[in-house]
ModelCIF file with pLDDT and N, C-alpha, C, O atoms, coordinates in Angstrom:
data_MODEL
#
_entry.id   MODEL 
#
_entity.id                         1 
_entity.type                       polymer 
_entity.pdbx_number_of_molecules   1 
#
_entity_poly.entity_id                      1 
_entity_poly.type                           'polypeptide(L)' 
_entity_poly.nstd_linkage                   no 
_entity_poly.nstd_monomer                   no 
_entity_poly.pdbx_seq_one_letter_code       
;(UNK)(UNK)(UNK)(UNK)(UNK)(UNK)(UNK)(UNK)(UNK)(UNK)(UNK)(UNK)(UNK)(UNK)(UNK)(UNK)
(UNK)(UNK)(UNK)(UNK)(UNK)(UNK)(UNK)(UNK)(UNK)(UNK)(UNK)(UNK)(UNK)(UNK)(UNK)
;
_entity_poly.pdbx_seq_one_letter_code_can   XXXXXXXXXXXXXXXXXXXXXXXXXXXXXXX 
_entity_poly.pdbx_strand_id                 A 
#
loop_
_entity_poly_seq.entity_id 
_entity_poly_seq.num 
_entity_poly_seq.mon_id 
_entity_poly_seq.hetero 
1 1  UNK n 
1 2  UNK n 
1 3  UNK n 
1 4  UNK n 
1 5  UNK n 
1 6  UNK n 
1 7  UNK n 
1 8  UNK n 
1 9  UNK n 
1 10 UNK n 
1 11 UNK n 
1 12 UNK n 
1 13 UNK n 
1 14 UNK n 
1 15 UNK n 
1 16 UNK n 
1 17 UNK n 
1 18 UNK n 
1 19 UNK n 
1 20 UNK n 
1 21 UNK n 
1 22 UNK n 
1 23 UNK n 
1 24 UNK n 
1 25 UNK n 
1 26 UNK n 
1 27 UNK n 
1 28 UNK n 
1 29 UNK n 
1 30 UNK n 
1 31 UNK n 
#
_struct_asym.id          A 
_struct_asym.entity_id   1 
#
loop_
_ma_qa_metric.id 
_ma_qa_metric.mode 
_ma_qa_metric.name 
_ma_qa_metric.software_group_id 
_ma_qa_metric.type 
1 global pLDDT . pLDDT 
2 local  pLDDT . pLDDT 
#
_ma_qa_metric_global.metric_id      1 
_ma_qa_metric_global.metric_value   93.00 
_ma_qa_metric_global.model_id       1 
_ma_qa_metric_global.ordinal_id     1 
#
loop_
_ma_qa_metric_local.label_asym_id 
_ma_qa_metric_local.label_comp_id 
_ma_qa_metric_local.label_seq_id 
_ma_qa_metric_local.metric_id 
_ma_qa_metric_local.metric_value 
_ma_qa_metric_local.model_id 
_ma_qa_metric_local.ordinal_id 
A UNK 1  2 97.00 1 1  
A UNK 2  2 97.00 1 2  
A UNK 3  2 97.00 1 3  
A UNK 4  2 97.00 1 4  
A UNK 5  2 98.00 1 5  
A UNK 6  2 97.00 1 6  
A UNK 7  2 96.00 1 7  
A UNK 8  2 96.00 1 8  
A UNK 9  2 97.00 1 9  
A UNK 10 2 95.00 1 10 
A UNK 11 2 93.00 1 11 
A UNK 12 2 94.00 1 12 
A UNK 13 2 94.00 1 13 
A UNK 14 2 91.00 1 14 
A UNK 15 2 84.00 1 15 
A UNK 16 2 83.00 1 16 
A UNK 17 2 80.00 1 17 
A UNK 18 2 83.00 1 18 
A UNK 19 2 83.00 1 19 
A UNK 20 2 82.00 1 20 
A UNK 21 2 88.00 1 21 
A UNK 22 2 93.00 1 22 
A UNK 23 2 95.00 1 23 
A UNK 24 2 97.00 1 24 
A UNK 25 2 98.00 1 25 
A UNK 26 2 98.00 1 26 
A UNK 27 2 98.00 1 27 
A UNK 28 2 97.00 1 28 
A UNK 29 2 97.00 1 29 
A UNK 30 2 95.00 1 30 
A UNK 31 2 93.00 1 31 
#
loop_
_atom_site.group_PDB 
_atom_site.id 
_atom_site.type_symbol 
_atom_site.label_atom_id 
_atom_site.label_alt_id 
_atom_site.label_comp_id 
_atom_site.label_asym_id 
_atom_site.label_entity_id 
_atom_site.label_seq_id 
_atom_site.pdbx_PDB_ins_code 
_atom_site.Cartn_x 
_atom_site.Cartn_y 
_atom_site.Cartn_z 
_atom_site.occupancy 
_atom_site.B_iso_or_equiv 
_atom_site.pdbx_formal_charge 
_atom_site.auth_seq_id 
_atom_site.auth_comp_id 
_atom_site.auth_asym_id 
_atom_site.auth_atom_id 
_atom_site.pdbx_PDB_model_num 
ATOM 1   N N  . UNK A 1 1  ? -8.979  9.543   -2.248 1.00 97.00 ? 1  UNK A N  1 
ATOM 2   C CA . UNK A 1 1  ? -8.245  8.688   -2.180 1.00 97.00 ? 1  UNK A CA 1 
ATOM 3   C C  . UNK A 1 1  ? -7.010  8.483   -2.372 1.00 97.00 ? 1  UNK A C  1 
ATOM 4   O O  . UNK A 1 1  ? -6.379  7.663   -1.704 1.00 97.00 ? 1  UNK A O  1 
ATOM 5   N N  . UNK A 1 2  ? -6.458  9.240   -3.366 1.00 97.00 ? 2  UNK A N  1 
ATOM 6   C CA . UNK A 1 2  ? -5.024  9.258   -3.680 1.00 97.00 ? 2  UNK A CA 1 
ATOM 7   C C  . UNK A 1 2  ? -4.318  9.379   -2.302 1.00 97.00 ? 2  UNK A C  1 
ATOM 8   O O  . UNK A 1 2  ? -3.197  8.926   -2.074 1.00 97.00 ? 2  UNK A O  1 
ATOM 9   N N  . UNK A 1 3  ? -4.711  9.712   -1.852 1.00 97.00 ? 3  UNK A N  1 
ATOM 10  C CA . UNK A 1 3  ? -3.363  10.505  -0.315 1.00 97.00 ? 3  UNK A CA 1 
ATOM 11  C C  . UNK A 1 3  ? -3.723  9.508   0.761  1.00 97.00 ? 3  UNK A C  1 
ATOM 12  O O  . UNK A 1 3  ? -2.985  9.547   1.746  1.00 97.00 ? 3  UNK A O  1 
ATOM 13  N N  . UNK A 1 4  ? -4.935  8.412   0.785  1.00 97.00 ? 4  UNK A N  1 
ATOM 14  C CA . UNK A 1 4  ? -5.224  7.747   1.556  1.00 97.00 ? 4  UNK A CA 1 
ATOM 15  C C  . UNK A 1 4  ? -4.301  6.175   0.780  1.00 97.00 ? 4  UNK A C  1 
ATOM 16  O O  . UNK A 1 4  ? -3.308  5.621   1.251  1.00 97.00 ? 4  UNK A O  1 
ATOM 17  N N  . UNK A 1 5  ? -4.774  5.946   -0.010 1.00 98.00 ? 5  UNK A N  1 
ATOM 18  C CA . UNK A 1 5  ? -4.064  5.183   -0.825 1.00 98.00 ? 5  UNK A CA 1 
ATOM 19  C C  . UNK A 1 5  ? -2.348  5.795   -0.464 1.00 98.00 ? 5  UNK A C  1 
ATOM 20  O O  . UNK A 1 5  ? -2.175  5.516   0.722  1.00 98.00 ? 5  UNK A O  1 
ATOM 21  N N  . UNK A 1 6  ? -1.246  6.396   -0.933 1.00 97.00 ? 6  UNK A N  1 
ATOM 22  C CA . UNK A 1 6  ? -0.666  6.688   -0.585 1.00 97.00 ? 6  UNK A CA 1 
ATOM 23  C C  . UNK A 1 6  ? 0.824   6.445   0.688  1.00 97.00 ? 6  UNK A C  1 
ATOM 24  O O  . UNK A 1 6  ? 2.017   6.143   0.693  1.00 97.00 ? 6  UNK A O  1 
ATOM 25  N N  . UNK A 1 7  ? -0.396  6.860   1.710  1.00 96.00 ? 7  UNK A N  1 
ATOM 26  C CA . UNK A 1 7  ? -0.741  6.345   3.350  1.00 96.00 ? 7  UNK A CA 1 
ATOM 27  C C  . UNK A 1 7  ? 0.186   5.382   2.908  1.00 96.00 ? 7  UNK A C  1 
ATOM 28  O O  . UNK A 1 7  ? 1.341   5.290   2.491  1.00 96.00 ? 7  UNK A O  1 
ATOM 29  N N  . UNK A 1 8  ? -1.176  4.450   3.273  1.00 96.00 ? 8  UNK A N  1 
ATOM 30  C CA . UNK A 1 8  ? -1.274  2.745   3.380  1.00 96.00 ? 8  UNK A CA 1 
ATOM 31  C C  . UNK A 1 8  ? 0.285   1.996   2.573  1.00 96.00 ? 8  UNK A C  1 
ATOM 32  O O  . UNK A 1 8  ? 1.014   1.105   3.010  1.00 96.00 ? 8  UNK A O  1 
ATOM 33  N N  . UNK A 1 9  ? 0.383   2.834   1.188  1.00 97.00 ? 9  UNK A N  1 
ATOM 34  C CA . UNK A 1 9  ? 1.883   2.662   0.512  1.00 97.00 ? 9  UNK A CA 1 
ATOM 35  C C  . UNK A 1 9  ? 2.258   2.392   1.251  1.00 97.00 ? 9  UNK A C  1 
ATOM 36  O O  . UNK A 1 9  ? 2.626   1.275   1.615  1.00 97.00 ? 9  UNK A O  1 
ATOM 37  N N  . UNK A 1 10 ? 2.305   4.303   2.176  1.00 95.00 ? 10 UNK A N  1 
ATOM 38  C CA . UNK A 1 10 ? 4.663   4.549   2.214  1.00 95.00 ? 10 UNK A CA 1 
ATOM 39  C C  . UNK A 1 10 ? 4.375   3.146   4.126  1.00 95.00 ? 10 UNK A C  1 
ATOM 40  O O  . UNK A 1 10 ? 5.329   2.490   4.545  1.00 95.00 ? 10 UNK A O  1 
ATOM 41  N N  . UNK A 1 11 ? 2.915   3.090   4.835  1.00 93.00 ? 11 UNK A N  1 
ATOM 42  C CA . UNK A 1 11 ? 3.017   3.136   6.131  1.00 93.00 ? 11 UNK A CA 1 
ATOM 43  C C  . UNK A 1 11 ? 3.447   1.557   5.251  1.00 93.00 ? 11 UNK A C  1 
ATOM 44  O O  . UNK A 1 11 ? 3.994   0.924   6.154  1.00 93.00 ? 11 UNK A O  1 
ATOM 45  N N  . UNK A 1 12 ? 3.461   0.931   4.379  1.00 94.00 ? 12 UNK A N  1 
ATOM 46  C CA . UNK A 1 12 ? 3.591   -0.981  4.371  1.00 94.00 ? 12 UNK A CA 1 
ATOM 47  C C  . UNK A 1 12 ? 5.129   -0.742  3.876  1.00 94.00 ? 12 UNK A C  1 
ATOM 48  O O  . UNK A 1 12 ? 5.982   -1.585  3.600  1.00 94.00 ? 12 UNK A O  1 
ATOM 49  N N  . UNK A 1 13 ? 5.165   -0.048  3.865  1.00 94.00 ? 13 UNK A N  1 
ATOM 50  C CA . UNK A 1 13 ? 7.128   0.281   3.278  1.00 94.00 ? 13 UNK A CA 1 
ATOM 51  C C  . UNK A 1 13 ? 7.800   0.068   4.820  1.00 94.00 ? 13 UNK A C  1 
ATOM 52  O O  . UNK A 1 13 ? 8.422   -0.863  5.332  1.00 94.00 ? 13 UNK A O  1 
ATOM 53  N N  . UNK A 1 14 ? 7.192   1.913   5.488  1.00 91.00 ? 14 UNK A N  1 
ATOM 54  C CA . UNK A 1 14 ? 7.921   1.879   6.339  1.00 91.00 ? 14 UNK A CA 1 
ATOM 55  C C  . UNK A 1 14 ? 7.989   0.494   7.682  1.00 91.00 ? 14 UNK A C  1 
ATOM 56  O O  . UNK A 1 14 ? 8.988   -0.030  8.174  1.00 91.00 ? 14 UNK A O  1 
ATOM 57  N N  . UNK A 1 15 ? 6.884   0.296   7.892  1.00 84.00 ? 15 UNK A N  1 
ATOM 58  C CA . UNK A 1 15 ? 6.153   -0.824  8.763  1.00 84.00 ? 15 UNK A CA 1 
ATOM 59  C C  . UNK A 1 15 ? 6.091   -1.655  8.215  1.00 84.00 ? 15 UNK A C  1 
ATOM 60  O O  . UNK A 1 15 ? 7.282   -1.904  8.025  1.00 84.00 ? 15 UNK A O  1 
ATOM 61  N N  . UNK A 1 16 ? 5.854   -1.978  8.007  1.00 83.00 ? 16 UNK A N  1 
ATOM 62  C CA . UNK A 1 16 ? 5.949   -4.096  6.862  1.00 83.00 ? 16 UNK A CA 1 
ATOM 63  C C  . UNK A 1 16 ? 6.645   -4.575  6.034  1.00 83.00 ? 16 UNK A C  1 
ATOM 64  O O  . UNK A 1 16 ? 6.562   -5.630  5.404  1.00 83.00 ? 16 UNK A O  1 
ATOM 65  N N  . UNK A 1 17 ? 7.673   -3.416  6.032  1.00 80.00 ? 17 UNK A N  1 
ATOM 66  C CA . UNK A 1 17 ? 8.970   -4.209  5.482  1.00 80.00 ? 17 UNK A CA 1 
ATOM 67  C C  . UNK A 1 17 ? 9.701   -5.385  5.773  1.00 80.00 ? 17 UNK A C  1 
ATOM 68  O O  . UNK A 1 17 ? 10.434  -5.301  6.759  1.00 80.00 ? 17 UNK A O  1 
ATOM 69  N N  . UNK A 1 18 ? 9.679   -6.826  4.956  1.00 83.00 ? 18 UNK A N  1 
ATOM 70  C CA . UNK A 1 18 ? 10.497  -7.691  5.196  1.00 83.00 ? 18 UNK A CA 1 
ATOM 71  C C  . UNK A 1 18 ? 11.533  -7.643  4.214  1.00 83.00 ? 18 UNK A C  1 
ATOM 72  O O  . UNK A 1 18 ? 11.071  -7.866  3.095  1.00 83.00 ? 18 UNK A O  1 
ATOM 73  N N  . UNK A 1 19 ? 12.799  -7.427  4.221  1.00 83.00 ? 19 UNK A N  1 
ATOM 74  C CA . UNK A 1 19 ? 13.597  -8.127  3.001  1.00 83.00 ? 19 UNK A CA 1 
ATOM 75  C C  . UNK A 1 19 ? 13.735  -8.699  1.765  1.00 83.00 ? 19 UNK A C  1 
ATOM 76  O O  . UNK A 1 19 ? 14.408  -9.697  2.021  1.00 83.00 ? 19 UNK A O  1 
ATOM 77  N N  . UNK A 1 20 ? 13.511  -8.700  0.515  1.00 82.00 ? 20 UNK A N  1 
ATOM 78  C CA . UNK A 1 20 ? 13.156  -9.572  -0.561 1.00 82.00 ? 20 UNK A CA 1 
ATOM 79  C C  . UNK A 1 20 ? 11.782  -9.693  -0.267 1.00 82.00 ? 20 UNK A C  1 
ATOM 80  O O  . UNK A 1 20 ? 11.492  -10.812 -0.688 1.00 82.00 ? 20 UNK A O  1 
ATOM 81  N N  . UNK A 1 21 ? 10.560  -9.073  0.317  1.00 88.00 ? 21 UNK A N  1 
ATOM 82  C CA . UNK A 1 21 ? 9.017   -9.257  -0.237 1.00 88.00 ? 21 UNK A CA 1 
ATOM 83  C C  . UNK A 1 21 ? 8.710   -8.348  -0.395 1.00 88.00 ? 21 UNK A C  1 
ATOM 84  O O  . UNK A 1 21 ? 9.011   -7.481  0.426  1.00 88.00 ? 21 UNK A O  1 
ATOM 85  N N  . UNK A 1 22 ? 7.882   -8.003  -1.622 1.00 93.00 ? 22 UNK A N  1 
ATOM 86  C CA . UNK A 1 22 ? 7.434   -7.028  -2.264 1.00 93.00 ? 22 UNK A CA 1 
ATOM 87  C C  . UNK A 1 22 ? 5.716   -6.987  -0.830 1.00 93.00 ? 22 UNK A C  1 
ATOM 88  O O  . UNK A 1 22 ? 5.521   -7.823  0.052  1.00 93.00 ? 22 UNK A O  1 
ATOM 89  N N  . UNK A 1 23 ? 4.398   -5.121  -1.300 1.00 95.00 ? 23 UNK A N  1 
ATOM 90  C CA . UNK A 1 23 ? 3.501   -5.646  -1.104 1.00 95.00 ? 23 UNK A CA 1 
ATOM 91  C C  . UNK A 1 23 ? 2.465   -5.352  -2.337 1.00 95.00 ? 23 UNK A C  1 
ATOM 92  O O  . UNK A 1 23 ? 2.378   -4.573  -3.286 1.00 95.00 ? 23 UNK A O  1 
ATOM 93  N N  . UNK A 1 24 ? 1.749   -6.410  -1.773 1.00 97.00 ? 24 UNK A N  1 
ATOM 94  C CA . UNK A 1 24 ? 0.451   -5.939  -3.149 1.00 97.00 ? 24 UNK A CA 1 
ATOM 95  C C  . UNK A 1 24 ? -0.291  -4.378  -2.578 1.00 97.00 ? 24 UNK A C  1 
ATOM 96  O O  . UNK A 1 24 ? -0.206  -3.761  -1.516 1.00 97.00 ? 24 UNK A O  1 
ATOM 97  N N  . UNK A 1 25 ? -1.079  -4.120  -3.953 1.00 98.00 ? 25 UNK A N  1 
ATOM 98  C CA . UNK A 1 25 ? -2.137  -3.197  -3.944 1.00 98.00 ? 25 UNK A CA 1 
ATOM 99  C C  . UNK A 1 25 ? -3.350  -3.562  -4.518 1.00 98.00 ? 25 UNK A C  1 
ATOM 100 O O  . UNK A 1 25 ? -3.461  -3.365  -5.728 1.00 98.00 ? 25 UNK A O  1 
ATOM 101 N N  . UNK A 1 26 ? -4.268  -4.045  -3.922 1.00 98.00 ? 26 UNK A N  1 
ATOM 102 C CA . UNK A 1 26 ? -5.376  -4.214  -4.751 1.00 98.00 ? 26 UNK A CA 1 
ATOM 103 C C  . UNK A 1 26 ? -6.667  -3.002  -4.509 1.00 98.00 ? 26 UNK A C  1 
ATOM 104 O O  . UNK A 1 26 ? -7.361  -2.932  -3.495 1.00 98.00 ? 26 UNK A O  1 
ATOM 105 N N  . UNK A 1 27 ? -6.740  -2.357  -5.373 1.00 98.00 ? 27 UNK A N  1 
ATOM 106 C CA . UNK A 1 27 ? -8.049  -1.326  -5.639 1.00 98.00 ? 27 UNK A CA 1 
ATOM 107 C C  . UNK A 1 27 ? -9.106  -1.627  -6.212 1.00 98.00 ? 27 UNK A C  1 
ATOM 108 O O  . UNK A 1 27 ? -8.909  -2.076  -7.341 1.00 98.00 ? 27 UNK A O  1 
ATOM 109 N N  . UNK A 1 28 ? -10.474 -1.552  -5.813 1.00 97.00 ? 28 UNK A N  1 
ATOM 110 C CA . UNK A 1 28 ? -11.100 -1.734  -6.204 1.00 97.00 ? 28 UNK A CA 1 
ATOM 111 C C  . UNK A 1 28 ? -12.310 -1.265  -6.509 1.00 97.00 ? 28 UNK A C  1 
ATOM 112 O O  . UNK A 1 28 ? -13.179 -1.970  -5.997 1.00 97.00 ? 28 UNK A O  1 
ATOM 113 N N  . UNK A 1 29 ? -13.022 0.233   -7.543 1.00 97.00 ? 29 UNK A N  1 
ATOM 114 C CA . UNK A 1 29 ? -13.823 1.063   -8.093 1.00 97.00 ? 29 UNK A CA 1 
ATOM 115 C C  . UNK A 1 29 ? -15.644 -0.062  -7.669 1.00 97.00 ? 29 UNK A C  1 
ATOM 116 O O  . UNK A 1 29 ? -15.560 -1.286  -7.769 1.00 97.00 ? 29 UNK A O  1 
ATOM 117 N N  . UNK A 1 30 ? -16.533 0.350   -7.402 1.00 95.00 ? 30 UNK A N  1 
ATOM 118 C CA . UNK A 1 30 ? -17.828 0.351   -7.862 1.00 95.00 ? 30 UNK A CA 1 
ATOM 119 C C  . UNK A 1 30 ? -18.631 1.616   -8.052 1.00 95.00 ? 30 UNK A C  1 
ATOM 120 O O  . UNK A 1 30 ? -18.826 2.336   -7.073 1.00 95.00 ? 30 UNK A O  1 
ATOM 121 N N  . UNK A 1 31 ? -19.171 1.984   -9.387 1.00 93.00 ? 31 UNK A N  1 
ATOM 122 C CA . UNK A 1 31 ? -20.012 2.762   -9.044 1.00 93.00 ? 31 UNK A CA 1 
ATOM 123 C C  . UNK A 1 31 ? -20.810 2.743   -8.853 1.00 93.00 ? 31 UNK A C  1 
ATOM 124 O O  . UNK A 1 31 ? -21.392 3.778   -8.527 1.00 93.00 ? 31 UNK A O  1 
#
């Protein structure tokens, strides 16, 4: 799960970057 999150975040930075705008992470765990 950590690797999946890391890849999605890296892609947001590399391919979804817009100057001056952040990206957001929403993590939900349902046992």
